[in-house]
Amino acid sequence: MSIGSAFSVYTDSIKLPPLLLLETPFVSMPALFESYYPGLSGLFLYKFNFRNDLYIKQITCPIWIFHGTWDTVVPYGHAIKLKQQVGERLKLITMEGVNHHDCSTKPLYQQSLQAALEWYEKQKV
């Protein structure tokens, strides 16, 4: 889920896995705060910035992001920005009308996850 993306992206930028799957990730903690309170994020000092936007650039494997367009916890725009950071290595699975907590229950999520795992299995051979 979203906060777990911060730990996954950071760790995987060091360990360099063969595949990274992320569900509803955010760009950074200041950017997420900015989504809720535009213009105010600069007023706060963050103990942890969770800069997914910086660390995700260091990951060399394919990345799959699952994100719903009705997400009110982590707005869908965060997935778009991460896609722009990484480019073609990042496959964005957009789930129309899906909120933050429903992603994994949707057929598109399950089908795409299966496709990602099948791709990974083929790479191991």
Protein backbone atom coordinates (compact mmCIF):
# COMPACT_ATOMS: atom_id res chain seq x y z
CA MET A 1 0.00 0.00 0.00
CA SER A 2 0.97 3.63 -0.17
CA ILE A 3 3.24 4.12 2.86
CA GLY A 4 4.91 0.79 2.11
CA SER A 5 5.99 2.17 -1.24
CA ALA A 6 8.43 4.48 0.54
CA PHE A 7 10.24 1.53 2.11
CA SER A 8 10.05 -0.62 -1.03
CA VAL A 9 11.36 2.07 -3.36
CA TYR A 10 14.22 3.02 -1.05
CA THR A 11 15.26 -0.59 -0.38
CA ASP A 12 14.95 -1.60 -4.01
CA SER A 13 17.07 1.36 -5.11
CA ILE A 14 19.89 -0.34 -3.18
CA LYS A 15 19.13 -4.04 -3.72
CA LEU A 16 18.05 -3.74 -7.38
CA PRO A 17 15.39 -6.46 -7.68
CA PRO A 18 14.25 -8.03 -10.99
CA LEU A 19 10.73 -6.56 -10.69
CA LEU A 20 9.00 -3.97 -8.49
CA LEU A 21 5.25 -3.87 -7.89
CA LEU A 22 3.76 -0.82 -6.18
CA GLU A 23 0.19 -0.12 -5.14
CA THR A 24 -0.91 3.52 -4.81
CA PRO A 25 2.57 5.03 -4.27
CA PHE A 26 3.15 8.73 -3.64
CA VAL A 27 5.85 11.05 -5.00
CA SER A 28 7.11 12.23 -1.60
CA MET A 29 5.67 13.16 1.77
CA PRO A 30 5.87 16.92 1.03
CA ALA A 31 4.19 16.35 -2.35
CA LEU A 32 1.45 14.30 -0.71
CA PHE A 33 0.87 17.04 1.84
CA GLU A 34 0.80 19.56 -1.00
CA SER A 35 -2.00 17.52 -2.60
CA TYR A 36 -4.18 18.18 0.44
CA TYR A 37 -3.04 21.71 1.33
CA PRO A 38 -1.68 23.52 -1.74
CA GLY A 39 0.95 26.11 -0.95
CA LEU A 40 1.46 25.02 2.65
CA SER A 41 3.88 22.10 2.37
CA GLY A 42 6.89 24.42 2.57
CA LEU A 43 5.82 25.64 6.00
CA PHE A 44 6.66 22.33 7.64
CA LEU A 45 9.84 20.46 8.41
CA TYR A 46 9.48 16.78 7.66
CA LYS A 47 11.42 14.29 9.72
CA PHE A 48 11.06 11.81 6.86
CA ASN A 49 10.52 13.04 3.31
CA PHE A 50 10.08 9.59 1.75
CA ARG A 51 11.37 10.76 -1.65
CA ASN A 52 10.04 8.04 -3.94
CA ASP A 53 10.60 10.43 -6.84
CA LEU A 54 14.37 10.40 -6.22
CA TYR A 55 14.92 6.76 -5.36
CA ILE A 56 12.71 5.34 -8.08
CA LYS A 57 15.11 6.74 -10.70
CA GLN A 58 17.85 4.47 -9.32
CA ILE A 59 15.81 1.31 -9.84
CA THR A 60 16.74 -0.39 -13.08
CA CYS A 61 14.14 -3.18 -13.21
CA PRO A 62 10.63 -2.95 -14.64
CA ILE A 63 8.18 -1.26 -12.29
CA TRP A 64 4.42 -1.82 -12.23
CA ILE A 65 2.19 0.67 -10.43
CA PHE A 66 -1.44 -0.06 -9.62
CA HIS A 67 -3.49 3.08 -8.91
CA GLY A 68 -7.16 4.01 -8.90
CA THR A 69 -8.40 7.27 -10.38
CA TRP A 70 -10.72 7.98 -7.42
CA ASP A 71 -8.02 7.63 -4.78
CA THR A 72 -8.58 10.30 -2.12
CA VAL A 73 -5.67 9.17 0.08
CA VAL A 74 -2.94 9.32 -2.57
CA PRO A 75 -4.26 11.18 -5.61
CA TYR A 76 -3.79 9.46 -8.96
CA GLY A 77 -1.57 12.35 -10.11
CA HIS A 78 1.23 10.93 -7.96
CA ALA A 79 1.33 7.80 -10.14
CA ILE A 80 1.46 9.99 -13.25
CA LYS A 81 4.41 11.95 -11.84
CA LEU A 82 6.31 8.79 -10.95
CA LYS A 83 5.67 7.46 -14.46
CA GLN A 84 7.15 10.67 -15.86
CA GLN A 85 10.24 10.18 -13.66
CA VAL A 86 10.89 6.64 -14.86
CA GLY A 87 9.48 6.47 -18.37
CA GLU A 88 8.99 3.23 -20.27
CA ARG A 89 10.32 0.96 -17.51
CA LEU A 90 7.23 1.84 -15.51
CA LYS A 91 3.92 0.27 -16.45
CA LEU A 92 1.01 2.17 -14.94
CA ILE A 93 -2.12 0.12 -14.37
CA THR A 94 -4.90 2.72 -14.18
CA MET A 95 -8.09 1.54 -12.54
CA GLU A 96 -10.93 3.87 -13.46
CA GLY A 97 -13.28 4.76 -10.61
CA VAL A 98 -11.32 2.79 -8.00
CA ASN A 99 -10.44 4.27 -4.62
CA HIS A 100 -7.42 3.73 -2.38
CA HIS A 101 -8.70 0.72 -0.50
CA ASP A 102 -10.34 -1.22 -3.35
CA CYS A 103 -7.47 -1.76 -5.79
CA SER A 104 -6.67 -5.35 -4.91
CA THR A 105 -10.32 -6.43 -5.13
CA LYS A 106 -10.71 -5.47 -8.79
CA PRO A 107 -10.33 -7.89 -11.71
CA LEU A 108 -7.96 -5.54 -13.58
CA TYR A 109 -5.61 -5.54 -10.57
CA GLN A 110 -5.68 -9.31 -10.29
CA GLN A 111 -5.22 -9.85 -14.04
CA SER A 112 -2.36 -7.34 -14.22
CA LEU A 113 -0.67 -8.82 -11.17
CA GLN A 114 -0.90 -12.25 -12.77
CA ALA A 115 0.63 -10.84 -15.98
CA ALA A 116 3.49 -9.26 -14.02
CA LEU A 117 4.24 -12.51 -12.22
CA GLU A 118 4.10 -14.49 -15.47
CA TRP A 119 6.53 -12.00 -17.04
CA TYR A 120 8.85 -12.45 -14.07
CA GLU A 121 8.70 -16.25 -14.31
CA LYS A 122 9.67 -16.10 -18.00
CA GLN A 123 12.68 -13.94 -17.15
CA LYS A 124 14.01 -16.51 -14.71
CA VAL A 125 14.31 -19.21 -17.39
